[in-house]
Amino acid sequence: MKRTRNMGFPPKLALVFIGFFGWCVIATSVPDTNVTTVLCNSGVYSKGDPFGTSLAYVLAEIEAVTPTSKNYDYFNISPYPNAVAYGHAACNQNLTSSDCSSCLGTAKTAMFASCQSRIGARSVLHDCTIRYEQYPFSD
């Protein structure tokens, strides 16, 4: 009886292919938008206060620029001298730009749900943070 050798795929070559294709898969991360902390300044501003205009500018800017900035970390200051607002936002660097943007939107919503008309507030989620104040700060 004549024996034939199995001409299947060699196991070492199979491991090389599995390793290569596993390495080529791009891992993506879904943002963890669970709220860790929301802090509110005790000071408030009223409707029509110029601080509201400055705040709207700063928040729009940091939401738009942070997801495209280096390391997803961006500080900003409003250009209006009569009522200055300062802002900062940052995201986990493992997120995509789109996920960073989504996380910051959730952080902003959580912040304003607790801190309406405050002159300063901070919202910290697991994968991002957003903060504004009436004075300069560094996190």
N, C-alpha and C. Protein backbone atom coordinates (compact mmCIF):
# COMPACT_ATOMS: atom_id res chain seq x y z
N MET A 1 0.83 -1.15 0.00
CA MET A 1 0.00 0.00 0.00
C MET A 1 0.89 1.23 0.00
N LYS A 2 0.60 2.12 -0.91
CA LYS A 2 1.41 3.31 -1.06
C LYS A 2 0.83 4.44 -0.21
N ARG A 3 1.70 5.11 0.56
CA ARG A 3 1.28 6.22 1.42
C ARG A 3 1.52 7.53 0.68
N THR A 4 0.53 8.41 0.78
CA THR A 4 0.71 9.73 0.18
C THR A 4 0.77 10.77 1.29
N ARG A 5 1.56 11.74 1.06
CA ARG A 5 1.72 12.80 2.05
C ARG A 5 0.60 13.83 1.86
N ASN A 6 0.03 14.27 2.98
CA ASN A 6 -1.03 15.27 2.94
C ASN A 6 -0.41 16.59 2.47
N MET A 7 -0.92 17.16 1.43
CA MET A 7 -0.37 18.38 0.87
C MET A 7 -1.19 19.60 1.32
N GLY A 8 -1.72 19.55 2.53
CA GLY A 8 -2.51 20.66 3.08
C GLY A 8 -1.65 21.88 3.36
N PHE A 9 -2.25 22.86 3.95
CA PHE A 9 -1.60 24.12 4.28
C PHE A 9 -0.67 23.91 5.46
N PRO A 10 0.62 24.24 5.34
CA PRO A 10 1.57 24.03 6.44
C PRO A 10 1.18 24.88 7.66
N PRO A 11 1.20 24.31 8.86
CA PRO A 11 0.77 25.03 10.07
C PRO A 11 1.56 26.32 10.33
N LYS A 12 2.86 26.31 10.06
CA LYS A 12 3.66 27.52 10.31
C LYS A 12 3.22 28.65 9.39
N LEU A 13 2.94 28.32 8.15
CA LEU A 13 2.50 29.33 7.20
C LEU A 13 1.12 29.86 7.60
N ALA A 14 0.27 29.01 8.11
CA ALA A 14 -1.05 29.43 8.58
C ALA A 14 -0.91 30.44 9.71
N LEU A 15 0.01 30.20 10.63
CA LEU A 15 0.24 31.12 11.74
C LEU A 15 0.75 32.47 11.25
N VAL A 16 1.61 32.45 10.24
CA VAL A 16 2.12 33.69 9.67
C VAL A 16 0.97 34.50 9.08
N PHE A 17 0.09 33.85 8.31
CA PHE A 17 -1.05 34.56 7.72
C PHE A 17 -1.99 35.09 8.79
N ILE A 18 -2.30 34.32 9.80
CA ILE A 18 -3.19 34.76 10.88
C ILE A 18 -2.58 35.96 11.59
N GLY A 19 -1.29 35.88 11.89
CA GLY A 19 -0.62 36.99 12.55
C GLY A 19 -0.62 38.25 11.71
N PHE A 20 -0.35 38.10 10.41
CA PHE A 20 -0.31 39.26 9.51
C PHE A 20 -1.69 39.91 9.40
N PHE A 21 -2.72 39.11 9.16
CA PHE A 21 -4.05 39.68 9.01
C PHE A 21 -4.58 40.23 10.32
N GLY A 22 -4.23 39.61 11.42
CA GLY A 22 -4.60 40.15 12.73
C GLY A 22 -3.94 41.49 12.97
N TRP A 23 -2.72 41.66 12.54
CA TRP A 23 -1.99 42.91 12.69
C TRP A 23 -2.57 44.00 11.79
N CYS A 24 -3.08 43.61 10.65
CA CYS A 24 -3.60 44.58 9.69
C CYS A 24 -4.98 45.13 10.08
N VAL A 25 -5.70 44.44 10.94
CA VAL A 25 -7.02 44.90 11.32
C VAL A 25 -6.86 46.17 12.17
N ILE A 26 -7.55 47.20 11.79
CA ILE A 26 -7.47 48.46 12.52
C ILE A 26 -8.49 48.41 13.65
N ALA A 27 -8.00 48.59 14.86
CA ALA A 27 -8.87 48.58 16.02
C ALA A 27 -9.48 49.96 16.20
N THR A 28 -10.78 49.97 16.42
CA THR A 28 -11.44 51.22 16.72
C THR A 28 -12.05 51.12 18.11
N SER A 29 -12.34 52.25 18.66
CA SER A 29 -12.83 52.31 20.01
C SER A 29 -14.11 53.12 20.03
N VAL A 30 -15.09 52.66 20.76
CA VAL A 30 -16.33 53.40 20.94
C VAL A 30 -16.16 54.24 22.20
N PRO A 31 -16.53 55.52 22.15
CA PRO A 31 -16.30 56.35 23.33
C PRO A 31 -17.13 55.90 24.53
N ASP A 32 -16.51 55.91 25.69
CA ASP A 32 -17.21 55.62 26.93
C ASP A 32 -17.75 56.95 27.42
N THR A 33 -19.04 57.16 27.26
CA THR A 33 -19.64 58.45 27.60
C THR A 33 -20.34 58.43 28.96
N ASN A 34 -19.95 57.52 29.82
CA ASN A 34 -20.47 57.53 31.18
C ASN A 34 -19.89 58.74 31.90
N VAL A 35 -20.75 59.48 32.57
CA VAL A 35 -20.32 60.69 33.27
C VAL A 35 -19.62 60.31 34.57
N THR A 36 -18.42 60.85 34.73
CA THR A 36 -17.65 60.66 35.96
C THR A 36 -17.97 61.77 36.95
N THR A 37 -17.89 63.02 36.48
CA THR A 37 -18.08 64.18 37.35
C THR A 37 -18.65 65.35 36.56
N VAL A 38 -19.52 66.11 37.18
CA VAL A 38 -19.94 67.40 36.66
C VAL A 38 -19.80 68.38 37.83
N LEU A 39 -19.03 69.44 37.61
CA LEU A 39 -18.81 70.45 38.64
C LEU A 39 -19.31 71.79 38.13
N CYS A 40 -19.93 72.56 39.00
CA CYS A 40 -20.48 73.86 38.62
C CYS A 40 -19.91 74.95 39.52
N ASN A 41 -19.54 76.08 38.91
CA ASN A 41 -19.16 77.25 39.67
C ASN A 41 -20.42 77.80 40.33
N SER A 42 -20.30 78.34 41.51
CA SER A 42 -21.49 78.85 42.21
C SER A 42 -21.99 80.17 41.61
N GLY A 43 -21.12 80.91 40.91
CA GLY A 43 -21.52 82.17 40.29
C GLY A 43 -22.39 81.93 39.06
N VAL A 44 -23.31 82.84 38.83
CA VAL A 44 -24.21 82.72 37.68
C VAL A 44 -24.16 83.98 36.83
N TYR A 45 -24.58 83.85 35.59
CA TYR A 45 -24.76 85.00 34.71
C TYR A 45 -26.21 85.03 34.28
N SER A 46 -26.69 86.20 33.94
CA SER A 46 -28.10 86.34 33.58
C SER A 46 -28.28 86.39 32.07
N LYS A 47 -29.52 86.22 31.66
CA LYS A 47 -29.85 86.28 30.24
C LYS A 47 -29.51 87.68 29.72
N GLY A 48 -28.88 87.74 28.58
CA GLY A 48 -28.47 89.01 28.00
C GLY A 48 -27.08 89.46 28.43
N ASP A 49 -26.49 88.76 29.37
CA ASP A 49 -25.13 89.07 29.83
C ASP A 49 -24.16 88.78 28.69
N PRO A 50 -23.19 89.67 28.42
CA PRO A 50 -22.22 89.42 27.35
C PRO A 50 -21.41 88.14 27.56
N PHE A 51 -21.33 87.66 28.80
CA PHE A 51 -20.61 86.41 29.04
C PHE A 51 -21.25 85.25 28.26
N GLY A 52 -22.56 85.29 28.11
CA GLY A 52 -23.25 84.24 27.35
C GLY A 52 -22.77 84.16 25.91
N THR A 53 -22.53 85.32 25.31
CA THR A 53 -22.02 85.37 23.93
C THR A 53 -20.60 84.81 23.87
N SER A 54 -19.77 85.21 24.84
CA SER A 54 -18.40 84.70 24.89
C SER A 54 -18.39 83.20 25.11
N LEU A 55 -19.24 82.73 26.00
CA LEU A 55 -19.31 81.30 26.29
C LEU A 55 -19.74 80.50 25.07
N ALA A 56 -20.75 80.98 24.37
CA ALA A 56 -21.22 80.28 23.16
C ALA A 56 -20.09 80.17 22.13
N TYR A 57 -19.33 81.25 21.97
CA TYR A 57 -18.20 81.23 21.04
C TYR A 57 -17.16 80.18 21.46
N VAL A 58 -16.76 80.22 22.72
CA VAL A 58 -15.72 79.31 23.22
C VAL A 58 -16.15 77.85 23.08
N LEU A 59 -17.38 77.55 23.48
CA LEU A 59 -17.83 76.16 23.41
C LEU A 59 -17.94 75.65 21.97
N ALA A 60 -18.45 76.49 21.08
CA ALA A 60 -18.53 76.08 19.66
C ALA A 60 -17.14 75.82 19.11
N GLU A 61 -16.19 76.68 19.47
CA GLU A 61 -14.82 76.55 18.98
C GLU A 61 -14.15 75.27 19.52
N ILE A 62 -14.25 75.04 20.82
CA ILE A 62 -13.56 73.86 21.36
C ILE A 62 -14.21 72.56 20.91
N GLU A 63 -15.52 72.58 20.69
CA GLU A 63 -16.18 71.38 20.16
C GLU A 63 -15.76 71.10 18.72
N ALA A 64 -15.57 72.14 17.94
CA ALA A 64 -15.19 71.97 16.53
C ALA A 64 -13.71 71.65 16.36
N VAL A 65 -12.85 72.27 17.15
CA VAL A 65 -11.40 72.16 16.92
C VAL A 65 -10.76 70.98 17.66
N THR A 66 -11.23 70.65 18.85
CA THR A 66 -10.61 69.57 19.63
C THR A 66 -10.50 68.26 18.85
N PRO A 67 -11.56 67.81 18.17
CA PRO A 67 -11.45 66.52 17.46
C PRO A 67 -10.44 66.52 16.30
N THR A 68 -9.98 67.69 15.89
CA THR A 68 -9.00 67.76 14.80
C THR A 68 -7.64 68.27 15.28
N SER A 69 -7.53 68.57 16.56
CA SER A 69 -6.27 69.11 17.07
C SER A 69 -5.33 68.00 17.52
N LYS A 70 -4.06 68.36 17.60
CA LYS A 70 -3.04 67.39 18.02
C LYS A 70 -3.37 66.86 19.41
N ASN A 71 -3.34 65.56 19.56
CA ASN A 71 -3.61 64.87 20.82
C ASN A 71 -5.02 65.12 21.36
N TYR A 72 -5.93 65.62 20.52
CA TYR A 72 -7.30 65.90 20.97
C TYR A 72 -7.31 66.74 22.25
N ASP A 73 -6.54 67.80 22.28
CA ASP A 73 -6.42 68.63 23.47
C ASP A 73 -6.36 70.09 23.02
N TYR A 74 -7.35 70.90 23.44
CA TYR A 74 -7.43 72.26 22.91
C TYR A 74 -7.94 73.25 23.97
N PHE A 75 -7.22 74.34 24.13
CA PHE A 75 -7.62 75.46 24.98
C PHE A 75 -8.04 76.61 24.08
N ASN A 76 -8.98 77.44 24.57
CA ASN A 76 -9.42 78.58 23.79
C ASN A 76 -9.85 79.72 24.69
N ILE A 77 -9.88 80.92 24.15
CA ILE A 77 -10.34 82.12 24.83
C ILE A 77 -11.21 82.90 23.86
N SER A 78 -12.28 83.49 24.38
CA SER A 78 -13.18 84.27 23.52
C SER A 78 -12.51 85.57 23.09
N PRO A 79 -12.88 86.08 21.94
CA PRO A 79 -12.25 87.32 21.45
C PRO A 79 -12.94 88.59 21.95
N TYR A 80 -13.95 88.45 22.80
CA TYR A 80 -14.72 89.60 23.25
C TYR A 80 -14.15 90.14 24.56
N PRO A 81 -13.60 91.35 24.56
CA PRO A 81 -12.91 91.87 25.74
C PRO A 81 -13.81 92.26 26.92
N ASN A 82 -15.09 92.52 26.67
CA ASN A 82 -15.96 92.97 27.76
C ASN A 82 -16.44 91.84 28.68
N ALA A 83 -16.38 90.60 28.26
CA ALA A 83 -16.78 89.45 29.09
C ALA A 83 -16.08 88.21 28.55
N VAL A 84 -14.89 87.97 29.01
CA VAL A 84 -14.05 86.91 28.47
C VAL A 84 -14.45 85.55 29.05
N ALA A 85 -14.45 84.54 28.19
CA ALA A 85 -14.66 83.15 28.60
C ALA A 85 -13.46 82.33 28.15
N TYR A 86 -13.07 81.39 28.98
CA TYR A 86 -11.95 80.50 28.69
C TYR A 86 -12.49 79.08 28.61
N GLY A 87 -11.95 78.28 27.71
CA GLY A 87 -12.43 76.92 27.57
C GLY A 87 -11.32 75.92 27.30
N HIS A 88 -11.60 74.68 27.63
CA HIS A 88 -10.67 73.58 27.38
C HIS A 88 -11.48 72.32 27.12
N ALA A 89 -11.02 71.52 26.19
CA ALA A 89 -11.62 70.22 25.93
C ALA A 89 -10.51 69.24 25.56
N ALA A 90 -10.72 67.99 25.90
CA ALA A 90 -9.74 66.94 25.57
C ALA A 90 -10.49 65.62 25.45
N CYS A 91 -9.93 64.75 24.59
CA CYS A 91 -10.48 63.41 24.40
C CYS A 91 -9.38 62.37 24.52
N ASN A 92 -9.78 61.16 24.82
CA ASN A 92 -8.88 60.01 24.82
C ASN A 92 -8.28 59.90 23.41
N GLN A 93 -6.98 59.77 23.32
CA GLN A 93 -6.30 59.74 22.02
C GLN A 93 -6.59 58.48 21.22
N ASN A 94 -7.18 57.47 21.84
CA ASN A 94 -7.51 56.23 21.11
C ASN A 94 -8.82 56.34 20.34
N LEU A 95 -9.55 57.42 20.53
CA LEU A 95 -10.81 57.60 19.83
C LEU A 95 -10.57 58.10 18.41
N THR A 96 -11.56 57.90 17.57
CA THR A 96 -11.54 58.53 16.25
C THR A 96 -11.97 59.99 16.44
N SER A 97 -11.72 60.80 15.46
CA SER A 97 -12.13 62.20 15.52
C SER A 97 -13.65 62.31 15.70
N SER A 98 -14.38 61.50 14.99
CA SER A 98 -15.84 61.49 15.09
C SER A 98 -16.30 61.10 16.49
N ASP A 99 -15.66 60.09 17.06
CA ASP A 99 -16.02 59.65 18.42
C ASP A 99 -15.67 60.70 19.46
N CYS A 100 -14.57 61.42 19.25
CA CYS A 100 -14.19 62.53 20.13
C CYS A 100 -15.28 63.59 20.09
N SER A 101 -15.72 63.94 18.91
CA SER A 101 -16.77 64.94 18.73
C SER A 101 -18.06 64.51 19.43
N SER A 102 -18.42 63.26 19.26
CA SER A 102 -19.62 62.72 19.89
C SER A 102 -19.51 62.76 21.42
N CYS A 103 -18.36 62.38 21.93
CA CYS A 103 -18.13 62.38 23.37
C CYS A 103 -18.23 63.80 23.93
N LEU A 104 -17.64 64.77 23.24
CA LEU A 104 -17.70 66.16 23.71
C LEU A 104 -19.12 66.70 23.71
N GLY A 105 -19.91 66.30 22.73
CA GLY A 105 -21.32 66.71 22.70
C GLY A 105 -22.08 66.17 23.90
N THR A 106 -21.81 64.92 24.25
CA THR A 106 -22.43 64.31 25.43
C THR A 106 -21.96 65.00 26.71
N ALA A 107 -20.67 65.32 26.77
CA ALA A 107 -20.12 66.01 27.95
C ALA A 107 -20.75 67.39 28.10
N LYS A 108 -20.93 68.11 27.01
CA LYS A 108 -21.54 69.44 27.06
C LYS A 108 -22.99 69.35 27.52
N THR A 109 -23.72 68.38 27.01
CA THR A 109 -25.11 68.18 27.42
C THR A 109 -25.21 67.89 28.91
N ALA A 110 -24.34 67.02 29.40
CA ALA A 110 -24.34 66.69 30.83
C ALA A 110 -24.00 67.91 31.67
N MET A 111 -23.06 68.72 31.19
CA MET A 111 -22.64 69.92 31.91
C MET A 111 -23.80 70.91 32.03
N PHE A 112 -24.50 71.17 30.93
CA PHE A 112 -25.58 72.15 30.98
C PHE A 112 -26.84 71.61 31.65
N ALA A 113 -26.98 70.31 31.73
CA ALA A 113 -28.11 69.74 32.46
C ALA A 113 -27.99 70.05 33.95
N SER A 114 -26.76 70.13 34.44
CA SER A 114 -26.53 70.40 35.87
C SER A 114 -26.14 71.84 36.15
N CYS A 115 -25.55 72.53 35.19
CA CYS A 115 -24.93 73.84 35.45
C CYS A 115 -25.49 74.92 34.54
N GLN A 116 -26.77 75.19 34.61
CA GLN A 116 -27.36 76.22 33.76
C GLN A 116 -26.96 77.60 34.24
N SER A 117 -26.55 78.44 33.31
CA SER A 117 -26.21 79.85 33.56
C SER A 117 -25.10 80.04 34.59
N ARG A 118 -24.18 79.12 34.66
CA ARG A 118 -23.06 79.24 35.59
C ARG A 118 -21.88 79.89 34.89
N ILE A 119 -21.07 80.64 35.63
CA ILE A 119 -19.91 81.30 35.04
C ILE A 119 -18.72 80.36 34.88
N GLY A 120 -18.90 79.11 35.30
CA GLY A 120 -17.87 78.09 35.13
C GLY A 120 -18.46 76.72 35.35
N ALA A 121 -17.99 75.75 34.60
CA ALA A 121 -18.48 74.39 34.75
C ALA A 121 -17.48 73.43 34.13
N ARG A 122 -17.56 72.19 34.59
CA ARG A 122 -16.69 71.15 34.06
C ARG A 122 -17.45 69.84 34.02
N SER A 123 -17.30 69.12 32.92
CA SER A 123 -17.91 67.81 32.76
C SER A 123 -16.81 66.82 32.38
N VAL A 124 -16.69 65.76 33.17
CA VAL A 124 -15.67 64.75 32.92
C VAL A 124 -16.37 63.42 32.63
N LEU A 125 -16.13 62.90 31.45
CA LEU A 125 -16.61 61.57 31.08
C LEU A 125 -15.39 60.67 31.05
N HIS A 126 -15.60 59.37 30.89
CA HIS A 126 -14.46 58.46 30.87
C HIS A 126 -13.50 58.75 29.73
N ASP A 127 -14.02 59.16 28.57
CA ASP A 127 -13.17 59.36 27.39
C ASP A 127 -13.02 60.80 26.93
N CYS A 128 -13.60 61.75 27.64
CA CYS A 128 -13.41 63.15 27.27
C CYS A 128 -13.78 64.07 28.42
N THR A 129 -13.39 65.32 28.27
CA THR A 129 -13.71 66.34 29.27
C THR A 129 -13.89 67.67 28.57
N ILE A 130 -14.74 68.50 29.15
CA ILE A 130 -14.95 69.85 28.64
C ILE A 130 -15.11 70.77 29.85
N ARG A 131 -14.54 71.97 29.75
CA ARG A 131 -14.57 72.91 30.87
C ARG A 131 -14.57 74.34 30.34
N TYR A 132 -15.26 75.22 31.05
CA TYR A 132 -15.18 76.64 30.76
C TYR A 132 -15.17 77.40 32.09
N GLU A 133 -14.59 78.58 32.06
CA GLU A 133 -14.51 79.45 33.24
C GLU A 133 -14.50 80.89 32.79
N GLN A 134 -14.68 81.79 33.76
CA GLN A 134 -14.62 83.22 33.52
C GLN A 134 -13.20 83.74 33.73
N TYR A 135 -12.29 82.86 34.08
CA TYR A 135 -10.90 83.22 34.36
C TYR A 135 -9.96 82.21 33.72
N PRO A 136 -8.70 82.56 33.50
CA PRO A 136 -7.75 81.61 32.90
C PRO A 136 -7.50 80.44 33.86
N PHE A 137 -7.29 79.27 33.29
CA PHE A 137 -7.03 78.07 34.09
C PHE A 137 -6.18 77.10 33.29
N SER A 138 -5.61 76.13 33.97
CA SER A 138 -4.94 75.02 33.30
C SER A 138 -5.34 73.77 34.06
N ASP A 139 -5.62 72.72 33.34
CA ASP A 139 -6.08 71.48 34.00
C ASP A 139 -4.94 70.66 34.49
